[in-house]
Amino acid sequence: MTDTVESISSMIVQKLLANPKVPRDIDGDSKIVEDLAFDSLAVMNFVMEIEDTLDVSVPLDKLADIRTIHDLAVCLAGLKNGNSP
């Protein structure tokens, strides 16, 4: 899989849809906290799972700016491709 924003966003959505508690109508514009009803612990656990999958680490200061699935994908793609988003 290439590490484009689109491919990472798609992978994130697929991982989220594996959880039966997550709404079925999510997309890149879905807000992680508001639309998915994730609390801070759930967000951290999910981000750690994605970090393990992609073998990257999201700095905590960047995590504060992430609101949507697309924001997370942009951040991860930037880290994966060696440039900061």
C-alpha atoms as a PDB file:
ATOM      1  CA  MET A   1       0.000   0.000   0.000  1.00  0.00           C
ATOM      2  CA  THR A   2       1.334   3.421  -0.865  1.00  0.00           C
ATOM      3  CA  ASP A   3       1.321   5.942   1.914  1.00  0.00           C
ATOM      4  CA  THR A   4      -0.951   8.570   0.398  1.00  0.00           C
ATOM      5  CA  VAL A   5      -3.464  10.551   2.415  1.00  0.00           C
ATOM      6  CA  GLU A   6      -6.255   8.758   0.558  1.00  0.00           C
ATOM      7  CA  SER A   7      -4.911   5.256   1.217  1.00  0.00           C
ATOM      8  CA  ILE A   8      -4.235   5.993   4.888  1.00  0.00           C
ATOM      9  CA  SER A   9      -7.670   7.570   5.293  1.00  0.00           C
ATOM     10  CA  SER A  10      -9.259   4.500   3.723  1.00  0.00           C
ATOM     11  CA  MET A  11      -7.295   2.197   6.039  1.00  0.00           C
ATOM     12  CA  ILE A  12      -8.370   4.238   9.083  1.00  0.00           C
ATOM     13  CA  VAL A  13     -12.038   4.046   8.032  1.00  0.00           C
ATOM     14  CA  GLN A  14     -11.770   0.277   7.522  1.00  0.00           C
ATOM     15  CA  LYS A  15     -10.209  -0.181  10.975  1.00  0.00           C
ATOM     16  CA  LEU A  16     -12.937   1.956  12.520  1.00  0.00           C
ATOM     17  CA  LEU A  17     -15.707   0.034  10.745  1.00  0.00           C
ATOM     18  CA  ALA A  18     -14.363  -3.177  12.307  1.00  0.00           C
ATOM     19  CA  ASN A  19     -15.696  -1.816  15.608  1.00  0.00           C
ATOM     20  CA  PRO A  20     -19.462  -2.461  15.813  1.00  0.00           C
ATOM     21  CA  LYS A  21     -19.933   0.623  18.027  1.00  0.00           C
ATOM     22  CA  VAL A  22     -18.704   2.987  15.310  1.00  0.00           C
ATOM     23  CA  PRO A  23     -21.369   4.545  13.039  1.00  0.00           C
ATOM     24  CA  ARG A  24     -21.498   2.995   9.558  1.00  0.00           C
ATOM     25  CA  ASP A  25     -21.656   6.307   7.679  1.00  0.00           C
ATOM     26  CA  ILE A  26     -18.182   7.611   8.473  1.00  0.00           C
ATOM     27  CA  ASP A  27     -15.767   9.168   5.991  1.00  0.00           C
ATOM     28  CA  GLY A  28     -12.690  11.373   6.004  1.00  0.00           C
ATOM     29  CA  ASP A  29     -14.665  14.366   7.244  1.00  0.00           C
ATOM     30  CA  SER A  30     -16.007  12.515  10.288  1.00  0.00           C
ATOM     31  CA  LYS A  31     -14.923  14.136  13.539  1.00  0.00           C
ATOM     32  CA  ILE A  32     -13.177  11.606  15.754  1.00  0.00           C
ATOM     33  CA  VAL A  33     -14.538  12.847  19.082  1.00  0.00           C
ATOM     34  CA  GLU A  34     -17.918  14.284  18.088  1.00  0.00           C
ATOM     35  CA  ASP A  35     -19.069  11.861  15.359  1.00  0.00           C
ATOM     36  CA  LEU A  36     -17.448   8.672  16.655  1.00  0.00           C
ATOM     37  CA  ALA A  37     -18.073   9.435  20.347  1.00  0.00           C
ATOM     38  CA  PHE A  38     -14.454   8.605  21.232  1.00  0.00           C
ATOM     39  CA  ASP A  39     -13.191   9.860  24.570  1.00  0.00           C
ATOM     40  CA  SER A  40      -9.546  10.831  25.010  1.00  0.00           C
ATOM     41  CA  LEU A  41      -8.508   7.306  26.043  1.00  0.00           C
ATOM     42  CA  ALA A  42     -10.240   5.757  23.020  1.00  0.00           C
ATOM     43  CA  VAL A  43      -8.538   8.288  20.739  1.00  0.00           C
ATOM     44  CA  MET A  44      -5.120   7.498  22.206  1.00  0.00           C
ATOM     45  CA  ASN A  45      -5.668   3.736  21.929  1.00  0.00           C
ATOM     46  CA  PHE A  46      -6.858   4.037  18.339  1.00  0.00           C
ATOM     47  CA  VAL A  47      -3.965   6.291  17.338  1.00  0.00           C
ATOM     48  CA  MET A  48      -1.503   3.841  18.920  1.00  0.00           C
ATOM     49  CA  GLU A  49      -3.051   1.019  16.891  1.00  0.00           C
ATOM     50  CA  ILE A  50      -2.660   3.045  13.673  1.00  0.00           C
ATOM     51  CA  GLU A  51       0.901   4.016  14.657  1.00  0.00           C
ATOM     52  CA  ASP A  52       1.764   0.329  15.068  1.00  0.00           C
ATOM     53  CA  THR A  53       0.211  -0.515  11.707  1.00  0.00           C
ATOM     54  CA  LEU A  54       2.150   2.212   9.886  1.00  0.00           C
ATOM     55  CA  ASP A  55       5.287   2.085  12.052  1.00  0.00           C
ATOM     56  CA  VAL A  56       5.235   5.795  12.861  1.00  0.00           C
ATOM     57  CA  SER A  57       4.792   7.851  16.018  1.00  0.00           C
ATOM     58  CA  VAL A  58       2.521  10.886  16.172  1.00  0.00           C
ATOM     59  CA  PRO A  59       3.966  13.602  18.426  1.00  0.00           C
ATOM     60  CA  LEU A  60       1.529  14.681  21.144  1.00  0.00           C
ATOM     61  CA  ASP A  61       1.648  18.308  19.982  1.00  0.00           C
ATOM     62  CA  LYS A  62       0.403  17.206  16.531  1.00  0.00           C
ATOM     63  CA  LEU A  63      -2.312  15.027  18.058  1.00  0.00           C
ATOM     64  CA  ALA A  64      -3.878  18.130  19.621  1.00  0.00           C
ATOM     65  CA  ASP A  65      -4.577  19.545  16.129  1.00  0.00           C
ATOM     66  CA  ILE A  66      -6.287  16.420  14.787  1.00  0.00           C
ATOM     67  CA  ARG A  67     -10.073  16.683  14.633  1.00  0.00           C
ATOM     68  CA  THR A  68     -11.163  14.517  11.687  1.00  0.00           C
ATOM     69  CA  ILE A  69     -10.153  11.230  10.106  1.00  0.00           C
ATOM     70  CA  HIS A  70      -8.694  13.243   7.202  1.00  0.00           C
ATOM     71  CA  ASP A  71      -6.600  15.337   9.635  1.00  0.00           C
ATOM     72  CA  LEU A  72      -5.180  12.121  11.108  1.00  0.00           C
ATOM     73  CA  ALA A  73      -4.465  10.726   7.637  1.00  0.00           C
ATOM     74  CA  VAL A  74      -2.668  13.942   6.576  1.00  0.00           C
ATOM     75  CA  CYS A  75      -0.541  13.856   9.731  1.00  0.00           C
ATOM     76  CA  LEU A  76       0.310  10.162   9.321  1.00  0.00           C
ATOM     77  CA  ALA A  77       1.110  10.517   5.616  1.00  0.00           C
ATOM     78  CA  GLY A  78       3.437  13.417   6.390  1.00  0.00           C
ATOM     79  CA  LEU A  79       5.212  11.449   9.098  1.00  0.00           C
ATOM     80  CA  LYS A  80       5.391   8.303   6.970  1.00  0.00           C
ATOM     81  CA  ASN A  81       6.807  10.190   4.009  1.00  0.00           C
ATOM     82  CA  GLY A  82       9.371  12.025   6.111  1.00  0.00           C
ATOM     83  CA  ASN A  83       7.916  15.494   6.216  1.00  0.00           C
ATOM     84  CA  SER A  84       5.934  17.176   8.921  1.00  0.00           C
ATOM     85  CA  PRO A  85       2.350  18.071   7.937  1.00  0.00           C
END
